[in-house]
C-alpha atoms as a PDB file:
ATOM      1  CA  MET A   1     -35.527   2.882   1.549  1.00  0.00           C
ATOM      2  CA  ALA A   2     -33.088   2.481   4.254  1.00  0.00           C
ATOM      3  CA  GLN A   3     -33.052  -1.214   5.899  1.00  0.00           C
ATOM      4  CA  LYS A   4     -31.328  -1.820   9.179  1.00  0.00           C
ATOM      5  CA  PHE A   5     -32.169  -5.638   9.170  1.00  0.00           C
ATOM      6  CA  GLY A   6     -34.483  -5.692  11.990  1.00  0.00           C
ATOM      7  CA  ASN A   7     -32.319  -3.768  14.527  1.00  0.00           C
ATOM      8  CA  GLY A   8     -29.272  -6.211  13.478  1.00  0.00           C
ATOM      9  CA  ARG A   9     -31.092  -9.352  14.413  1.00  0.00           C
ATOM     10  CA  TRP A  10     -31.434 -10.902  10.628  1.00  0.00           C
ATOM     11  CA  VAL A  11     -27.665 -10.514  10.285  1.00  0.00           C
ATOM     12  CA  GLN A  12     -25.650 -13.353  11.837  1.00  0.00           C
ATOM     13  CA  GLU A  13     -22.043 -12.910  10.909  1.00  0.00           C
ATOM     14  CA  GLY A  14     -19.572 -12.048   7.848  1.00  0.00           C
ATOM     15  CA  PHE A  15     -16.525 -10.458   6.918  1.00  0.00           C
ATOM     16  CA  LEU A  16     -15.277  -7.478   4.964  1.00  0.00           C
ATOM     17  CA  ASP A  17     -11.774  -6.930   3.138  1.00  0.00           C
ATOM     18  CA  ASN A  18     -10.091  -3.749   2.207  1.00  0.00           C
ATOM     19  CA  ARG A  19      -6.912  -4.545   1.565  1.00  0.00           C
ATOM     20  CA  VAL A  20      -7.411  -3.763  -1.961  1.00  0.00           C
ATOM     21  CA  GLU A  21      -7.592   0.109  -2.497  1.00  0.00           C
ATOM     22  CA  GLY A  22     -10.809   1.252  -3.348  1.00  0.00           C
ATOM     23  CA  THR A  23     -12.764  -1.751  -2.861  1.00  0.00           C
ATOM     24  CA  ILE A  24     -14.532  -3.584  -0.309  1.00  0.00           C
ATOM     25  CA  VAL A  25     -15.341  -7.837  -1.013  1.00  0.00           C
ATOM     26  CA  GLY A  26     -16.640  -9.626   1.629  1.00  0.00           C
ATOM     27  CA  ARG A  27     -19.797 -11.955   2.328  1.00  0.00           C
ATOM     28  CA  ILE A  28     -22.273 -11.595   5.090  1.00  0.00           C
ATOM     29  CA  LEU A  29     -24.722 -14.039   6.133  1.00  0.00           C
ATOM     30  CA  PHE A  30     -28.649 -13.063   6.367  1.00  0.00           C
ATOM     31  CA  ALA A  31     -31.538 -14.509   8.007  1.00  0.00           C
ATOM     32  CA  VAL A  32     -33.743 -17.032   4.928  1.00  0.00           C
ATOM     33  CA  ILE A  33     -31.499 -15.265   2.285  1.00  0.00           C
ATOM     34  CA  GLY A  34     -28.527 -16.871   3.502  1.00  0.00           C
ATOM     35  CA  PRO A  35     -24.804 -16.111   2.511  1.00  0.00           C
ATOM     36  CA  VAL A  36     -24.665 -12.817   0.485  1.00  0.00           C
ATOM     37  CA  ASP A  37     -21.128 -12.040  -1.238  1.00  0.00           C
ATOM     38  CA  VAL A  38     -20.437  -8.249  -1.511  1.00  0.00           C
ATOM     39  CA  TYR A  39     -18.274  -6.074  -3.540  1.00  0.00           C
ATOM     40  CA  LEU A  40     -18.308  -2.310  -2.804  1.00  0.00           C
ATOM     41  CA  ARG A  41     -16.528   0.618  -4.394  1.00  0.00           C
ATOM     42  CA  GLY A  42     -14.733   2.888  -1.682  1.00  0.00           C
ATOM     43  CA  ASN A  43     -13.021   1.895   1.273  1.00  0.00           C
ATOM     44  CA  PHE A  44     -13.053   1.657   5.194  1.00  0.00           C
ATOM     45  CA  LYS A  45     -12.770   5.243   7.425  1.00  0.00           C
ATOM     46  CA  PRO A  46      -8.724   5.850   8.346  1.00  0.00           C
ATOM     47  CA  ASP A  47      -9.360   3.635  11.456  1.00  0.00           C
ATOM     48  CA  ILE A  48      -9.717   0.278   9.734  1.00  0.00           C
ATOM     49  CA  ALA A  49      -8.578   1.044   6.660  1.00  0.00           C
ATOM     50  CA  GLY A  50      -7.052  -1.484   4.389  1.00  0.00           C
ATOM     51  CA  GLN A  51      -8.032  -4.086   6.944  1.00  0.00           C
ATOM     52  CA  VAL A  52     -10.266  -7.009   7.073  1.00  0.00           C
ATOM     53  CA  ILE A  53     -13.206  -7.353   9.427  1.00  0.00           C
ATOM     54  CA  GLN A  54     -15.177  -9.667  10.769  1.00  0.00           C
ATOM     55  CA  PHE A  55     -18.292  -9.652  13.017  1.00  0.00           C
ATOM     56  CA  ARG A  56     -20.617 -11.845  14.778  1.00  0.00           C
ATOM     57  CA  ASN A  57     -24.198 -10.855  15.944  1.00  0.00           C
ATOM     58  CA  PRO A  58     -25.289 -13.007  19.107  1.00  0.00           C
ATOM     59  CA  ARG A  59     -28.804 -11.093  18.851  1.00  0.00           C
ATOM     60  CA  PHE A  60     -29.467 -13.326  15.319  1.00  0.00           C
ATOM     61  CA  GLU A  61     -32.741 -14.317  14.876  1.00  0.00           C
ATOM     62  CA  ASP A  62     -33.645 -16.586  11.478  1.00  0.00           C
ATOM     63  CA  GLU A  63     -37.195 -15.879  11.464  1.00  0.00           C
ATOM     64  CA  ASP A  64     -39.717 -15.914   8.606  1.00  0.00           C
ATOM     65  CA  LEU A  65     -40.621 -12.656   8.756  1.00  0.00           C
ATOM     66  CA  ALA A  66     -37.035 -11.734   7.605  1.00  0.00           C
ATOM     67  CA  GLY A  67     -37.929 -13.220   3.992  1.00  0.00           C
ATOM     68  CA  GLN A  68     -41.234 -10.897   3.625  1.00  0.00           C
ATOM     69  CA  ILE A  69     -38.882  -7.623   4.440  1.00  0.00           C
ATOM     70  CA  ILE A  70     -35.422  -8.842   2.934  1.00  0.00           C
ATOM     71  CA  GLY A  71     -36.328 -11.695   0.856  1.00  0.00           C
ATOM     72  CA  ASP A  72     -35.417  -9.693  -2.569  1.00  0.00           C
ATOM     73  CA  MET A  73     -32.127  -8.055  -1.433  1.00  0.00           C
ATOM     74  CA  GLU A  74     -29.855  -7.920  -4.341  1.00  0.00           C
ATOM     75  CA  ASN A  75     -27.707 -11.355  -4.278  1.00  0.00           C
ATOM     76  CA  PRO A  76     -24.737 -10.484  -4.737  1.00  0.00           C
ATOM     77  CA  GLN A  77     -24.603  -6.808  -3.353  1.00  0.00           C
ATOM     78  CA  ILE A  78     -22.728  -4.710  -5.627  1.00  0.00           C
ATOM     79  CA  GLY A  79     -22.516  -0.998  -4.700  1.00  0.00           C
ATOM     80  CA  THR A  80     -20.812   1.519  -2.711  1.00  0.00           C
ATOM     81  CA  VAL A  81     -19.465   2.168   0.507  1.00  0.00           C
ATOM     82  CA  ASN A  82     -21.216   4.889   2.635  1.00  0.00           C
ATOM     83  CA  LEU A  83     -19.415   4.592   5.917  1.00  0.00           C
ATOM     84  CA  ILE A  84     -17.842   1.455   7.383  1.00  0.00           C
ATOM     85  CA  SER A  85     -15.719   2.242  10.644  1.00  0.00           C
ATOM     86  CA  PHE A  86     -15.523   1.030  14.360  1.00  0.00           C
ATOM     87  CA  ASP A  87     -15.527   4.638  15.309  1.00  0.00           C
ATOM     88  CA  PRO A  88     -18.207   6.482  13.171  1.00  0.00           C
ATOM     89  CA  HIS A  89     -18.960   9.800  14.706  1.00  0.00           C
ATOM     90  CA  PRO A  90     -17.577  11.673  17.495  1.00  0.00           C
ATOM     91  CA  ASN A  91     -20.401  12.372  19.414  1.00  0.00           C
ATOM     92  CA  LEU A  92     -21.299   8.476  19.875  1.00  0.00           C
ATOM     93  CA  ALA A  93     -19.688   5.691  21.206  1.00  0.00           C
ATOM     94  CA  PRO A  94     -17.394   3.879  19.480  1.00  0.00           C
ATOM     95  CA  HIS A  95     -19.140   1.160  17.674  1.00  0.00           C
ATOM     96  CA  PRO A  96     -18.838  -0.981  14.540  1.00  0.00           C
ATOM     97  CA  TYR A  97     -20.846   0.529  11.316  1.00  0.00           C
ATOM     98  CA  ILE A  98     -21.407  -0.839   7.915  1.00  0.00           C
ATOM     99  CA  GLU A  99     -23.309   1.065   5.711  1.00  0.00           C
ATOM    100  CA  TRP A 100     -23.810   1.075   1.838  1.00  0.00           C
ATOM    101  CA  PHE A 101     -25.977   1.641  -1.121  1.00  0.00           C
ATOM    102  CA  SER A 102     -26.454  -0.787  -3.525  1.00  0.00           C
ATOM    103  CA  ALA A 103     -26.203  -0.543  -7.670  1.00  0.00           C
ATOM    104  CA  ARG A 104     -30.389   0.184  -7.322  1.00  0.00           C
ATOM    105  CA  LYS A 105     -29.777   2.412  -4.452  1.00  0.00           C
ATOM    106  CA  ASN A 106     -30.998   0.769  -1.676  1.00  0.00           C
ATOM    107  CA  HIS A 107     -29.356   1.753   1.389  1.00  0.00           C
ATOM    108  CA  TYR A 108     -28.531  -0.814   4.089  1.00  0.00           C
ATOM    109  CA  ARG A 109     -26.823  -0.268   7.675  1.00  0.00           C
ATOM    110  CA  ILE A 110     -25.477  -2.582  10.423  1.00  0.00           C
ATOM    111  CA  GLU A 111     -24.855  -1.612  13.619  1.00  0.00           C
ATOM    112  CA  LEU A 112     -23.291  -3.822  16.032  1.00  0.00           C
ATOM    113  CA  GLU A 113     -21.613  -3.696  19.473  1.00  0.00           C
ATOM    114  CA  PRO A 114     -18.182  -3.160  20.100  1.00  0.00           C
ATOM    115  CA  ALA A 115     -16.789  -6.867  20.830  1.00  0.00           C
ATOM    116  CA  GLU A 116     -19.217  -7.993  18.181  1.00  0.00           C
ATOM    117  CA  ALA A 117     -16.666  -7.248  15.279  1.00  0.00           C
ATOM    118  CA  TRP A 118     -13.021  -7.316  15.184  1.00  0.00           C
ATOM    119  CA  ILE A 119     -10.388  -6.537  13.096  1.00  0.00           C
ATOM    120  CA  VAL A 120      -8.651 -10.024  11.693  1.00  0.00           C
ATOM    121  CA  PRO A 121      -5.166 -11.062  13.167  1.00  0.00           C
ATOM    122  CA  ALA A 122      -2.632 -12.008   9.991  1.00  0.00           C
ATOM    123  CA  SER A 123      -2.633 -15.483  11.290  1.00  0.00           C
ATOM    124  CA  ASP A 124      -6.357 -16.000  10.215  1.00  0.00           C
ATOM    125  CA  LEU A 125      -6.284 -14.705   6.713  1.00  0.00           C
ATOM    126  CA  SER A 126      -5.605 -17.509   5.026  1.00  0.00           C
ATOM    127  CA  GLU A 127      -9.013 -18.882   5.496  1.00  0.00           C
ATOM    128  CA  ILE A 128     -10.350 -15.559   4.092  1.00  0.00           C
ATOM    129  CA  ASP A 129      -7.770 -14.900   1.450  1.00  0.00           C
ATOM    130  CA  PRO A 130      -9.687 -17.851  -1.167  1.00  0.00           C
ATOM    131  CA  ILE A 131     -13.076 -16.230  -0.941  1.00  0.00           C
ATOM    132  CA  SER A 132     -12.156 -12.592  -1.008  1.00  0.00           C
ATOM    133  CA  ARG A 133     -10.088 -13.636  -4.339  1.00  0.00           C
ATOM    134  CA  THR A 134     -12.977 -15.492  -5.815  1.00  0.00           C
ATOM    135  CA  ILE A 135     -15.548 -12.839  -4.532  1.00  0.00           C
ATOM    136  CA  ARG A 136     -13.076 -10.122  -6.481  1.00  0.00           C
ATOM    137  CA  GLU A 137     -12.460 -11.880  -9.587  1.00  0.00           C
ATOM    138  CA  ALA A 138     -16.702 -13.153  -9.912  1.00  0.00           C
ATOM    139  CA  LEU A 139     -17.680  -9.513  -9.101  1.00  0.00           C
ATOM    140  CA  THR A 140     -14.949  -7.014 -10.753  1.00  0.00           C
ATOM    141  CA  GLY A 141     -16.711  -6.986 -14.192  1.00  0.00           C
ATOM    142  CA  LEU A 142     -20.352  -6.336 -12.878  1.00  0.00           C
ATOM    143  CA  ALA A 143     -18.905  -3.817 -10.567  1.00  0.00           C
ATOM    144  CA  ILE A 144     -17.880  -1.366 -13.144  1.00  0.00           C
ATOM    145  CA  GLU A 145     -20.948  -2.262 -15.295  1.00  0.00           C
ATOM    146  CA  ARG A 146     -23.411   0.909 -14.708  1.00  0.00           C
ATOM    147  CA  PRO A 147     -26.784  -0.230 -13.411  1.00  0.00           C
ATOM    148  CA  THR A 148     -29.639  -0.408 -15.690  1.00  0.00           C
ATOM    149  CA  GLN A 149     -32.299   2.579 -15.625  1.00  0.00           C
ATOM    150  CA  GLU A 150     -35.275   1.247 -13.467  1.00  0.00           C
ATOM    151  CA  PRO A 151     -38.452   2.659 -15.500  1.00  0.00           C
ATOM    152  CA  THR A 152     -39.992   5.698 -14.367  1.00  0.00           C
ATOM    153  CA  GLU A 153     -43.628   6.977 -14.444  1.00  0.00           C
ATOM    154  CA  TRP A 154     -42.626  10.393 -14.284  1.00  0.00           C
ATOM    155  CA  VAL A 155     -43.370  12.765 -17.579  1.00  0.00           C
END
């Protein structure tokens, strides 16, 4: 299942940190759910690799419908990066694009307008550093565990 979060309106803000090669940690604030910590295996694409990005969505709506659609979203989000870039496709206008697969193989995607995401300047990293460190320490062990196999009815 792909979830675009109600055309982006259920994503308020967040940050993602790719300063440790091979991993991305962060926190995203969703409608109804609140803050969700993120630990993904992989890297940003070269245009923003090794950076910390922040984003804020002016179209955010904290509506009850979000709870019905994304209320069972894994929290924390542990998974694998598919594509995170500010310039995701050569045939499209550059724009922030965040896409990953959770450990349960759920597919998530956030697309933003260019002005809604930015690389965090070094002068502002002191606010993000302790949060990134806490998330990394708390979720590293879970990220290397293999997800449990979902029961199947196939014979």
